[in-house]
Amino acid sequence: MSVSNYDQTCSQASDCVEAVVGDVCGPGCVACPNAAINMNAAAKYQADYQKAVAACVTPPQQGCPGHCLAQTACNAGMCTVCPEGCADAGGRGSDGGSDAASD
């Protein structure tokens, strides 16, 4: 699956949702989110994701313990994901605006 197939534009962090792109097949647990897309593209993404998983020779393991700390952000008008949670990104907060914790 490729993130380029989905709208990634945003004006604030709440416009974005997490996505798993790349190889979605197993074995093993479903990968942590490694991309973010516009929430308006979420239904298409979910349908495509379900089709991709159904086509796997070895489907990903379900029911894995929660280990993902990913968080979405809107940076320079594009949805992005921070795998370990979003920190101050050079003076820009998760909504692309000023962050009180900036340098």
N, C-alpha and C. Protein backbone atom coordinates (compact mmCIF):
# COMPACT_ATOMS: atom_id res chain seq x y z
N MET A 1 0.85 -1.16 0.00
CA MET A 1 0.00 0.00 0.00
C MET A 1 0.90 1.23 0.00
N SER A 2 0.47 2.25 -0.71
CA SER A 2 1.26 3.47 -0.82
C SER A 2 0.48 4.67 -0.30
N VAL A 3 1.12 5.47 0.54
CA VAL A 3 0.47 6.66 1.09
C VAL A 3 0.12 7.66 -0.01
N SER A 4 0.84 7.61 -1.12
CA SER A 4 0.57 8.56 -2.21
C SER A 4 -0.79 8.34 -2.87
N ASN A 5 -1.45 7.22 -2.55
CA ASN A 5 -2.79 6.95 -3.09
C ASN A 5 -3.90 7.69 -2.34
N TYR A 6 -3.52 8.42 -1.29
CA TYR A 6 -4.52 9.05 -0.41
C TYR A 6 -4.16 10.52 -0.18
N ASP A 7 -5.19 11.32 0.03
CA ASP A 7 -5.01 12.74 0.33
C ASP A 7 -4.26 12.87 1.65
N GLN A 8 -3.19 13.65 1.64
CA GLN A 8 -2.38 13.85 2.85
C GLN A 8 -2.40 15.30 3.31
N THR A 9 -3.20 16.15 2.66
CA THR A 9 -3.21 17.57 3.02
C THR A 9 -3.98 17.79 4.32
N CYS A 10 -3.62 18.88 5.00
CA CYS A 10 -4.28 19.21 6.26
C CYS A 10 -4.09 20.68 6.58
N SER A 11 -4.93 21.16 7.49
CA SER A 11 -4.75 22.50 8.02
C SER A 11 -4.53 22.45 9.53
N GLN A 12 -4.83 21.31 10.14
CA GLN A 12 -4.59 21.10 11.57
C GLN A 12 -4.48 19.61 11.84
N ALA A 13 -3.91 19.24 12.97
CA ALA A 13 -3.66 17.84 13.30
C ALA A 13 -4.93 16.99 13.29
N SER A 14 -6.05 17.57 13.67
CA SER A 14 -7.30 16.80 13.72
C SER A 14 -7.80 16.41 12.33
N ASP A 15 -7.21 16.96 11.26
CA ASP A 15 -7.55 16.56 9.89
C ASP A 15 -6.94 15.22 9.53
N CYS A 16 -6.01 14.73 10.34
CA CYS A 16 -5.20 13.57 9.99
C CYS A 16 -5.55 12.33 10.81
N VAL A 17 -5.40 11.16 10.18
CA VAL A 17 -5.57 9.87 10.86
C VAL A 17 -4.38 8.99 10.50
N GLU A 18 -4.08 8.05 11.36
CA GLU A 18 -2.97 7.13 11.16
C GLU A 18 -3.27 6.12 10.06
N ALA A 19 -2.20 5.65 9.42
CA ALA A 19 -2.32 4.62 8.39
C ALA A 19 -1.08 3.74 8.41
N VAL A 20 -1.26 2.50 8.01
CA VAL A 20 -0.14 1.58 7.82
C VAL A 20 0.03 1.41 6.33
N VAL A 21 1.20 1.72 5.82
CA VAL A 21 1.48 1.58 4.40
C VAL A 21 2.69 0.67 4.22
N GLY A 22 2.89 0.22 3.00
CA GLY A 22 3.95 -0.75 2.74
C GLY A 22 3.36 -2.14 2.77
N ASP A 23 4.14 -3.12 3.18
CA ASP A 23 3.70 -4.51 3.25
C ASP A 23 2.84 -4.70 4.49
N VAL A 24 1.58 -5.04 4.30
CA VAL A 24 0.66 -5.20 5.43
C VAL A 24 0.46 -6.67 5.80
N CYS A 25 1.18 -7.58 5.14
CA CYS A 25 1.01 -9.00 5.41
C CYS A 25 1.91 -9.47 6.55
N GLY A 26 1.56 -10.65 7.10
CA GLY A 26 2.30 -11.25 8.20
C GLY A 26 3.51 -12.00 7.71
N PRO A 27 4.14 -12.82 8.49
CA PRO A 27 3.68 -13.16 9.84
C PRO A 27 3.99 -12.05 10.83
N GLY A 28 3.44 -12.19 11.98
CA GLY A 28 3.68 -11.20 13.01
C GLY A 28 2.51 -10.26 13.18
N CYS A 29 2.70 -9.33 14.07
CA CYS A 29 1.66 -8.35 14.38
C CYS A 29 1.55 -7.30 13.29
N VAL A 30 0.39 -6.71 13.22
CA VAL A 30 0.18 -5.60 12.30
C VAL A 30 1.17 -4.51 12.68
N ALA A 31 1.79 -3.92 11.68
CA ALA A 31 2.77 -2.87 11.92
C ALA A 31 2.13 -1.65 12.57
N CYS A 32 2.95 -0.91 13.29
CA CYS A 32 2.49 0.35 13.84
C CYS A 32 2.26 1.34 12.70
N PRO A 33 1.37 2.29 12.87
CA PRO A 33 1.16 3.30 11.82
C PRO A 33 2.49 3.95 11.44
N ASN A 34 2.70 4.05 10.14
CA ASN A 34 3.94 4.65 9.64
C ASN A 34 3.66 5.78 8.66
N ALA A 35 2.39 6.21 8.60
CA ALA A 35 1.99 7.30 7.72
C ALA A 35 0.72 7.92 8.28
N ALA A 36 0.37 9.08 7.73
CA ALA A 36 -0.87 9.74 8.12
C ALA A 36 -1.53 10.28 6.86
N ILE A 37 -2.84 10.20 6.84
CA ILE A 37 -3.63 10.67 5.70
C ILE A 37 -4.75 11.58 6.19
N ASN A 38 -5.34 12.31 5.26
CA ASN A 38 -6.47 13.17 5.60
C ASN A 38 -7.64 12.29 6.00
N MET A 39 -8.36 12.69 7.05
CA MET A 39 -9.48 11.88 7.55
C MET A 39 -10.55 11.63 6.48
N ASN A 40 -10.65 12.51 5.49
CA ASN A 40 -11.62 12.31 4.41
C ASN A 40 -11.25 11.14 3.50
N ALA A 41 -10.00 10.69 3.57
CA ALA A 41 -9.56 9.55 2.77
C ALA A 41 -9.60 8.24 3.56
N ALA A 42 -10.01 8.32 4.82
CA ALA A 42 -9.96 7.15 5.71
C ALA A 42 -10.84 5.99 5.24
N ALA A 43 -12.02 6.24 4.73
CA ALA A 43 -12.90 5.15 4.29
C ALA A 43 -12.29 4.41 3.11
N LYS A 44 -11.74 5.14 2.15
CA LYS A 44 -11.07 4.50 1.00
C LYS A 44 -9.86 3.71 1.48
N TYR A 45 -9.08 4.30 2.38
CA TYR A 45 -7.91 3.61 2.92
C TYR A 45 -8.32 2.31 3.60
N GLN A 46 -9.35 2.36 4.47
CA GLN A 46 -9.79 1.16 5.19
C GLN A 46 -10.23 0.06 4.23
N ALA A 47 -10.96 0.44 3.19
CA ALA A 47 -11.39 -0.55 2.20
C ALA A 47 -10.19 -1.16 1.49
N ASP A 48 -9.23 -0.32 1.09
CA ASP A 48 -8.03 -0.81 0.43
C ASP A 48 -7.19 -1.69 1.36
N TYR A 49 -7.11 -1.30 2.63
CA TYR A 49 -6.36 -2.06 3.62
C TYR A 49 -6.98 -3.45 3.80
N GLN A 50 -8.30 -3.50 3.93
CA GLN A 50 -8.97 -4.80 4.09
C GLN A 50 -8.76 -5.70 2.87
N LYS A 51 -8.79 -5.12 1.67
CA LYS A 51 -8.52 -5.89 0.45
C LYS A 51 -7.09 -6.41 0.45
N ALA A 52 -6.14 -5.57 0.85
CA ALA A 52 -4.73 -5.97 0.87
C ALA A 52 -4.51 -7.10 1.87
N VAL A 53 -5.09 -6.99 3.05
CA VAL A 53 -4.94 -8.03 4.07
C VAL A 53 -5.59 -9.33 3.60
N ALA A 54 -6.75 -9.24 2.96
CA ALA A 54 -7.44 -10.44 2.46
C ALA A 54 -6.62 -11.16 1.40
N ALA A 55 -5.77 -10.42 0.69
CA ALA A 55 -4.95 -11.01 -0.36
C ALA A 55 -3.63 -11.59 0.16
N CYS A 56 -3.35 -11.41 1.44
CA CYS A 56 -2.09 -11.89 2.02
C CYS A 56 -2.05 -13.41 2.05
N VAL A 57 -0.92 -13.99 1.67
CA VAL A 57 -0.72 -15.42 1.83
C VAL A 57 -0.66 -15.74 3.32
N THR A 58 0.04 -14.91 4.06
CA THR A 58 0.10 -15.01 5.52
C THR A 58 -0.45 -13.71 6.09
N PRO A 59 -1.70 -13.71 6.56
CA PRO A 59 -2.27 -12.48 7.10
C PRO A 59 -1.55 -12.05 8.37
N PRO A 60 -1.60 -10.76 8.68
CA PRO A 60 -0.97 -10.30 9.92
C PRO A 60 -1.72 -10.84 11.13
N GLN A 61 -1.01 -11.02 12.21
CA GLN A 61 -1.61 -11.48 13.47
C GLN A 61 -2.47 -10.37 14.04
N GLN A 62 -3.63 -10.71 14.52
CA GLN A 62 -4.54 -9.74 15.13
C GLN A 62 -4.48 -9.88 16.64
N GLY A 63 -4.93 -8.89 17.35
CA GLY A 63 -5.00 -8.95 18.81
C GLY A 63 -3.64 -8.80 19.48
N CYS A 64 -2.71 -8.14 18.84
CA CYS A 64 -1.40 -7.93 19.44
C CYS A 64 -1.50 -6.90 20.56
N PRO A 65 -0.63 -7.01 21.53
CA PRO A 65 -0.66 -6.01 22.61
C PRO A 65 -0.34 -4.63 22.07
N GLY A 66 -0.95 -3.62 22.66
CA GLY A 66 -0.72 -2.25 22.22
C GLY A 66 0.72 -1.83 22.47
N HIS A 67 1.44 -1.57 21.42
CA HIS A 67 2.83 -1.16 21.55
C HIS A 67 3.14 0.07 20.70
N CYS A 68 2.17 0.58 20.02
CA CYS A 68 2.38 1.71 19.13
C CYS A 68 2.13 3.02 19.86
N LEU A 69 3.05 3.94 19.70
CA LEU A 69 2.92 5.25 20.32
C LEU A 69 2.74 6.34 19.27
N ALA A 70 2.42 5.95 18.05
CA ALA A 70 2.32 6.90 16.94
C ALA A 70 1.25 7.95 17.21
N GLN A 71 1.53 9.14 16.72
CA GLN A 71 0.61 10.26 16.85
C GLN A 71 0.66 11.03 15.53
N THR A 72 -0.48 11.55 15.10
CA THR A 72 -0.50 12.31 13.86
C THR A 72 -0.23 13.78 14.13
N ALA A 73 0.25 14.45 13.08
CA ALA A 73 0.51 15.88 13.15
C ALA A 73 0.27 16.47 11.77
N CYS A 74 0.08 17.77 11.72
CA CYS A 74 -0.03 18.49 10.46
C CYS A 74 1.17 19.42 10.39
N ASN A 75 2.09 19.15 9.49
CA ASN A 75 3.29 19.95 9.33
C ASN A 75 3.36 20.48 7.91
N ALA A 76 3.41 21.79 7.78
CA ALA A 76 3.51 22.45 6.47
C ALA A 76 2.39 21.99 5.53
N GLY A 77 1.19 21.80 6.09
CA GLY A 77 0.03 21.45 5.27
C GLY A 77 -0.06 20.00 4.85
N MET A 78 0.80 19.14 5.43
CA MET A 78 0.79 17.71 5.10
C MET A 78 0.67 16.88 6.37
N CYS A 79 -0.20 15.87 6.33
CA CYS A 79 -0.32 14.96 7.47
C CYS A 79 0.97 14.16 7.59
N THR A 80 1.39 13.95 8.82
CA THR A 80 2.58 13.16 9.09
C THR A 80 2.34 12.36 10.35
N VAL A 81 3.18 11.38 10.58
CA VAL A 81 3.07 10.57 11.80
C VAL A 81 4.40 10.60 12.51
N CYS A 82 4.33 10.68 13.83
CA CYS A 82 5.51 10.65 14.68
C CYS A 82 5.47 9.29 15.38
N PRO A 83 6.35 8.34 15.02
CA PRO A 83 6.28 6.98 15.57
C PRO A 83 6.34 6.91 17.09
N GLU A 84 7.05 7.79 17.74
CA GLU A 84 7.18 7.76 19.20
C GLU A 84 6.40 8.89 19.85
N GLY A 85 5.45 9.46 19.16
CA GLY A 85 4.70 10.60 19.67
C GLY A 85 5.36 11.88 19.19
N CYS A 86 4.57 12.90 18.96
CA CYS A 86 5.09 14.14 18.39
C CYS A 86 5.66 15.04 19.48
N ALA A 87 6.85 15.50 19.24
CA ALA A 87 7.49 16.49 20.10
C ALA A 87 7.54 17.79 19.32
N ASP A 88 8.06 18.80 19.92
CA ASP A 88 8.21 20.08 19.23
C ASP A 88 9.03 19.88 17.97
N ALA A 89 8.48 20.28 16.84
CA ALA A 89 9.15 20.10 15.55
C ALA A 89 9.74 21.43 15.09
N GLY A 90 10.81 21.85 15.73
CA GLY A 90 11.48 23.06 15.32
C GLY A 90 10.63 24.30 15.44
N GLY A 91 9.86 24.38 16.50
CA GLY A 91 9.05 25.57 16.72
C GLY A 91 7.67 25.49 16.12
N ARG A 92 7.30 24.35 15.55
CA ARG A 92 5.97 24.20 14.99
C ARG A 92 5.27 23.08 15.73
N GLY A 93 4.09 23.36 16.25
CA GLY A 93 3.33 22.37 16.99
C GLY A 93 2.66 21.38 16.06
N SER A 94 1.91 20.45 16.63
CA SER A 94 1.27 19.42 15.84
C SER A 94 0.19 19.97 14.91
N ASP A 95 -0.23 21.19 15.13
CA ASP A 95 -1.22 21.78 14.24
C ASP A 95 -0.57 22.71 13.23
N GLY A 96 0.75 22.76 13.20
CA GLY A 96 1.46 23.59 12.25
C GLY A 96 1.59 25.02 12.70
N GLY A 97 1.08 25.34 13.89
CA GLY A 97 1.15 26.71 14.40
C GLY A 97 2.26 26.84 15.42
N SER A 98 2.32 27.96 16.05
CA SER A 98 3.35 28.18 17.06
C SER A 98 3.13 27.27 18.23
N ASP A 99 4.21 26.82 18.80
CA ASP A 99 4.16 25.92 19.94
C ASP A 99 4.80 26.63 21.11
N ALA A 100 4.14 26.66 22.23
CA ALA A 100 4.65 27.37 23.40
C ALA A 100 5.99 26.80 23.87
N ALA A 101 6.26 25.53 23.52
CA ALA A 101 7.50 24.91 23.94
C ALA A 101 8.60 25.09 22.92
N SER A 102 8.39 25.91 21.93
CA SER A 102 9.40 26.05 20.88
C SER A 102 10.63 26.79 21.39
N ASP A 103 11.72 26.64 20.64
CA ASP A 103 12.99 27.25 21.04
C ASP A 103 12.91 28.74 21.06
